Amino acid sequence: MKKTLLIAVAALSLASCSEYSRSDRALGGAAIGAGTGALIGGLATNSGGGAVVGGVLGAAAGGIIGAETTPRACRVRDRWGRWHRVQCP
């Protein structure tokens, strides 16, 4: 069980690496949240129903958190043609 949990944690941490696309981060967050929620829900209730509910709630929370934590790094060009990164509105 410990080995499986360690592999799952390592896979989830690697899956969380993504670019700055808001939709990509929402999907990644939903996948991570669903897996984690299902695991915790199943372990907490010792039933499949608990795993399903935990997975659904985890997917919703992970999707929202993933989308809202997307870094907003916009690029603008100054009057001399040089690119600069600025905080997006």
N, C-alpha and C. Protein backbone atom coordinates (compact mmCIF):
# COMPACT_ATOMS: atom_id res chain seq x y z
N MET A 1 0.82 -1.19 0.00
CA MET A 1 0.00 0.00 0.00
C MET A 1 0.87 1.26 0.00
N LYS A 2 1.94 1.25 0.80
CA LYS A 2 2.81 2.41 0.85
C LYS A 2 3.47 2.67 -0.50
N LYS A 3 3.86 1.60 -1.17
CA LYS A 3 4.51 1.73 -2.47
C LYS A 3 3.55 2.34 -3.49
N THR A 4 2.31 1.89 -3.49
CA THR A 4 1.31 2.41 -4.41
C THR A 4 1.03 3.88 -4.13
N LEU A 5 0.92 4.23 -2.86
CA LEU A 5 0.67 5.62 -2.50
C LEU A 5 1.84 6.51 -2.90
N LEU A 6 3.06 6.04 -2.71
CA LEU A 6 4.23 6.81 -3.09
C LEU A 6 4.28 7.03 -4.60
N ILE A 7 3.96 6.00 -5.37
CA ILE A 7 3.94 6.13 -6.83
C ILE A 7 2.84 7.10 -7.26
N ALA A 8 1.68 7.04 -6.61
CA ALA A 8 0.59 7.95 -6.95
C ALA A 8 0.96 9.40 -6.66
N VAL A 9 1.60 9.63 -5.53
CA VAL A 9 2.01 11.00 -5.18
C VAL A 9 3.05 11.52 -6.17
N ALA A 10 4.00 10.68 -6.55
CA ALA A 10 5.01 11.10 -7.52
C ALA A 10 4.38 11.40 -8.88
N ALA A 11 3.44 10.58 -9.30
CA ALA A 11 2.77 10.82 -10.59
C ALA A 11 1.94 12.10 -10.55
N LEU A 12 1.26 12.35 -9.45
CA LEU A 12 0.45 13.56 -9.34
C LEU A 12 1.32 14.81 -9.31
N SER A 13 2.48 14.72 -8.66
CA SER A 13 3.34 15.90 -8.62
C SER A 13 3.91 16.21 -9.99
N LEU A 14 4.21 15.18 -10.78
CA LEU A 14 4.69 15.41 -12.13
C LEU A 14 3.58 15.92 -13.04
N ALA A 15 2.37 15.48 -12.80
CA ALA A 15 1.24 15.90 -13.64
C ALA A 15 0.87 17.35 -13.40
N SER A 16 1.27 17.91 -12.29
CA SER A 16 0.89 19.28 -11.98
C SER A 16 1.71 20.30 -12.74
N CYS A 17 2.78 19.90 -13.41
CA CYS A 17 3.62 20.82 -14.17
C CYS A 17 2.95 21.11 -15.51
N SER A 18 2.61 22.37 -15.74
CA SER A 18 2.01 22.73 -17.02
C SER A 18 2.37 24.17 -17.36
N GLU A 19 2.03 24.57 -18.54
CA GLU A 19 2.30 25.93 -18.98
C GLU A 19 1.27 26.88 -18.38
N TYR A 20 1.21 28.07 -18.92
CA TYR A 20 0.34 29.09 -18.36
C TYR A 20 -1.07 29.10 -18.92
N SER A 21 -1.45 28.09 -19.66
CA SER A 21 -2.79 28.05 -20.21
C SER A 21 -3.80 27.80 -19.09
N ARG A 22 -4.79 28.65 -19.01
CA ARG A 22 -5.79 28.56 -17.95
C ARG A 22 -6.59 27.26 -18.05
N SER A 23 -6.94 26.86 -19.26
CA SER A 23 -7.73 25.64 -19.42
C SER A 23 -6.89 24.40 -19.13
N ASP A 24 -5.61 24.42 -19.52
CA ASP A 24 -4.74 23.28 -19.21
C ASP A 24 -4.58 23.11 -17.71
N ARG A 25 -4.40 24.21 -17.02
CA ARG A 25 -4.23 24.13 -15.56
C ARG A 25 -5.53 23.71 -14.89
N ALA A 26 -6.68 24.11 -15.44
CA ALA A 26 -7.96 23.68 -14.86
C ALA A 26 -8.14 22.18 -15.04
N LEU A 27 -7.81 21.66 -16.21
CA LEU A 27 -7.92 20.22 -16.44
C LEU A 27 -6.94 19.43 -15.58
N GLY A 28 -5.72 19.92 -15.49
CA GLY A 28 -4.73 19.26 -14.64
C GLY A 28 -5.14 19.27 -13.18
N GLY A 29 -5.64 20.41 -12.72
CA GLY A 29 -6.10 20.51 -11.34
C GLY A 29 -7.29 19.60 -11.06
N ALA A 30 -8.19 19.50 -12.04
CA ALA A 30 -9.35 18.62 -11.88
C ALA A 30 -8.92 17.16 -11.81
N ALA A 31 -7.96 16.78 -12.64
CA ALA A 31 -7.47 15.39 -12.61
C ALA A 31 -6.78 15.06 -11.29
N ILE A 32 -5.94 15.97 -10.84
CA ILE A 32 -5.26 15.75 -9.56
C ILE A 32 -6.25 15.74 -8.41
N GLY A 33 -7.20 16.67 -8.43
CA GLY A 33 -8.22 16.73 -7.38
C GLY A 33 -9.11 15.50 -7.36
N ALA A 34 -9.47 15.00 -8.53
CA ALA A 34 -10.32 13.81 -8.60
C ALA A 34 -9.61 12.60 -8.04
N GLY A 35 -8.35 12.43 -8.42
CA GLY A 35 -7.60 11.29 -7.91
C GLY A 35 -7.39 11.35 -6.42
N THR A 36 -7.01 12.51 -5.94
CA THR A 36 -6.78 12.68 -4.51
C THR A 36 -8.08 12.56 -3.72
N GLY A 37 -9.14 13.18 -4.22
CA GLY A 37 -10.43 13.11 -3.53
C GLY A 37 -10.98 11.69 -3.48
N ALA A 38 -10.83 10.96 -4.58
CA ALA A 38 -11.29 9.57 -4.59
C ALA A 38 -10.50 8.72 -3.62
N LEU A 39 -9.21 8.94 -3.57
CA LEU A 39 -8.36 8.19 -2.64
C LEU A 39 -8.73 8.48 -1.19
N ILE A 40 -8.86 9.74 -0.87
CA ILE A 40 -9.20 10.12 0.51
C ILE A 40 -10.62 9.69 0.85
N GLY A 41 -11.57 9.90 -0.06
CA GLY A 41 -12.95 9.50 0.19
C GLY A 41 -13.10 8.00 0.38
N GLY A 42 -12.38 7.24 -0.43
CA GLY A 42 -12.43 5.78 -0.31
C GLY A 42 -11.81 5.28 0.98
N LEU A 43 -10.68 5.88 1.35
CA LEU A 43 -10.03 5.47 2.59
C LEU A 43 -10.82 5.89 3.83
N ALA A 44 -11.45 7.05 3.75
CA ALA A 44 -12.18 7.56 4.91
C ALA A 44 -13.47 6.78 5.17
N THR A 45 -14.15 6.34 4.11
CA THR A 45 -15.45 5.69 4.29
C THR A 45 -15.40 4.18 4.06
N ASN A 46 -14.30 3.69 3.51
CA ASN A 46 -14.19 2.26 3.17
C ASN A 46 -15.32 1.80 2.25
N SER A 47 -15.72 2.67 1.32
CA SER A 47 -16.79 2.31 0.39
C SER A 47 -16.53 2.97 -0.97
N GLY A 48 -17.14 2.39 -1.99
CA GLY A 48 -17.03 2.96 -3.32
C GLY A 48 -17.78 4.28 -3.45
N GLY A 49 -18.88 4.40 -2.73
CA GLY A 49 -19.65 5.65 -2.77
C GLY A 49 -18.87 6.82 -2.25
N GLY A 50 -18.12 6.58 -1.18
CA GLY A 50 -17.28 7.65 -0.64
C GLY A 50 -16.19 8.06 -1.61
N ALA A 51 -15.65 7.08 -2.34
CA ALA A 51 -14.63 7.38 -3.34
C ALA A 51 -15.20 8.20 -4.49
N VAL A 52 -16.43 7.88 -4.89
CA VAL A 52 -17.08 8.62 -5.98
C VAL A 52 -17.35 10.06 -5.55
N VAL A 53 -17.91 10.23 -4.37
CA VAL A 53 -18.22 11.58 -3.88
C VAL A 53 -16.93 12.37 -3.70
N GLY A 54 -15.91 11.74 -3.13
CA GLY A 54 -14.64 12.43 -2.96
C GLY A 54 -14.01 12.80 -4.29
N GLY A 55 -14.13 11.93 -5.29
CA GLY A 55 -13.60 12.23 -6.61
C GLY A 55 -14.30 13.39 -7.28
N VAL A 56 -15.62 13.42 -7.16
CA VAL A 56 -16.38 14.52 -7.78
C VAL A 56 -16.06 15.85 -7.10
N LEU A 57 -16.06 15.86 -5.78
CA LEU A 57 -15.75 17.10 -5.06
C LEU A 57 -14.30 17.53 -5.29
N GLY A 58 -13.40 16.57 -5.32
CA GLY A 58 -12.00 16.89 -5.57
C GLY A 58 -11.78 17.43 -6.98
N ALA A 59 -12.48 16.88 -7.96
CA ALA A 59 -12.36 17.37 -9.33
C ALA A 59 -12.86 18.81 -9.45
N ALA A 60 -13.97 19.09 -8.80
CA ALA A 60 -14.52 20.46 -8.85
C ALA A 60 -13.56 21.44 -8.18
N ALA A 61 -13.09 21.10 -7.00
CA ALA A 61 -12.18 22.00 -6.28
C ALA A 61 -10.85 22.14 -7.02
N GLY A 62 -10.32 21.05 -7.53
CA GLY A 62 -9.05 21.11 -8.25
C GLY A 62 -9.14 21.92 -9.53
N GLY A 63 -10.25 21.80 -10.24
CA GLY A 63 -10.44 22.59 -11.46
C GLY A 63 -10.50 24.07 -11.18
N ILE A 64 -11.21 24.44 -10.15
CA ILE A 64 -11.32 25.87 -9.79
C ILE A 64 -9.97 26.41 -9.33
N ILE A 65 -9.32 25.67 -8.46
CA ILE A 65 -8.03 26.12 -7.95
C ILE A 65 -6.99 26.18 -9.06
N GLY A 66 -6.98 25.18 -9.94
CA GLY A 66 -6.03 25.19 -11.05
C GLY A 66 -6.22 26.37 -11.98
N ALA A 67 -7.46 26.70 -12.26
CA ALA A 67 -7.73 27.83 -13.16
C ALA A 67 -7.39 29.17 -12.51
N GLU A 68 -7.69 29.30 -11.23
CA GLU A 68 -7.48 30.58 -10.56
C GLU A 68 -6.04 30.84 -10.17
N THR A 69 -5.22 29.82 -10.14
CA THR A 69 -3.81 30.03 -9.78
C THR A 69 -2.91 30.11 -11.01
N THR A 70 -3.49 30.28 -12.18
CA THR A 70 -2.69 30.43 -13.40
C THR A 70 -1.93 31.74 -13.34
N PRO A 71 -0.61 31.69 -13.49
CA PRO A 71 0.16 32.94 -13.50
C PRO A 71 -0.25 33.80 -14.68
N ARG A 72 -0.36 35.05 -14.44
CA ARG A 72 -0.76 35.98 -15.51
C ARG A 72 0.45 36.81 -15.89
N ALA A 73 1.17 36.33 -16.86
CA ALA A 73 2.37 37.02 -17.34
C ALA A 73 2.15 37.46 -18.78
N CYS A 74 1.72 38.69 -18.95
CA CYS A 74 1.49 39.21 -20.30
C CYS A 74 2.76 39.87 -20.82
N ARG A 75 2.85 39.96 -22.12
CA ARG A 75 4.00 40.60 -22.76
C ARG A 75 3.52 41.82 -23.53
N VAL A 76 4.23 42.91 -23.37
CA VAL A 76 3.93 44.14 -24.11
C VAL A 76 5.22 44.62 -24.78
N ARG A 77 5.04 45.39 -25.82
CA ARG A 77 6.18 45.94 -26.54
C ARG A 77 6.25 47.45 -26.28
N ASP A 78 7.43 47.94 -25.93
CA ASP A 78 7.57 49.38 -25.69
C ASP A 78 7.79 50.10 -27.03
N ARG A 79 7.97 51.40 -26.96
CA ARG A 79 8.05 52.18 -28.19
C ARG A 79 9.33 51.92 -28.98
N TRP A 80 10.33 51.26 -28.36
CA TRP A 80 11.55 50.90 -29.07
C TRP A 80 11.53 49.48 -29.60
N GLY A 81 10.43 48.78 -29.43
CA GLY A 81 10.27 47.45 -29.96
C GLY A 81 10.73 46.32 -29.05
N ARG A 82 11.10 46.63 -27.82
CA ARG A 82 11.55 45.60 -26.88
C ARG A 82 10.35 45.02 -26.13
N TRP A 83 10.41 43.70 -25.90
CA TRP A 83 9.33 43.02 -25.18
C TRP A 83 9.58 43.06 -23.69
N HIS A 84 8.50 43.25 -22.92
CA HIS A 84 8.56 43.27 -21.45
C HIS A 84 7.40 42.45 -20.92
N ARG A 85 7.66 41.77 -19.79
CA ARG A 85 6.58 41.04 -19.12
C ARG A 85 5.94 41.96 -18.08
N VAL A 86 4.63 41.98 -18.07
CA VAL A 86 3.88 42.80 -17.11
C VAL A 86 2.78 41.94 -16.50
N GLN A 87 2.26 42.40 -15.38
CA GLN A 87 1.13 41.69 -14.74
C GLN A 87 -0.13 41.93 -15.56
N CYS A 88 -0.80 40.85 -15.91
CA CYS A 88 -2.03 40.96 -16.70
C CYS A 88 -3.16 41.53 -15.82
N PRO A 89 -4.07 42.22 -16.42
CA PRO A 89 -5.21 42.74 -15.65
C PRO A 89 -6.17 41.66 -15.23
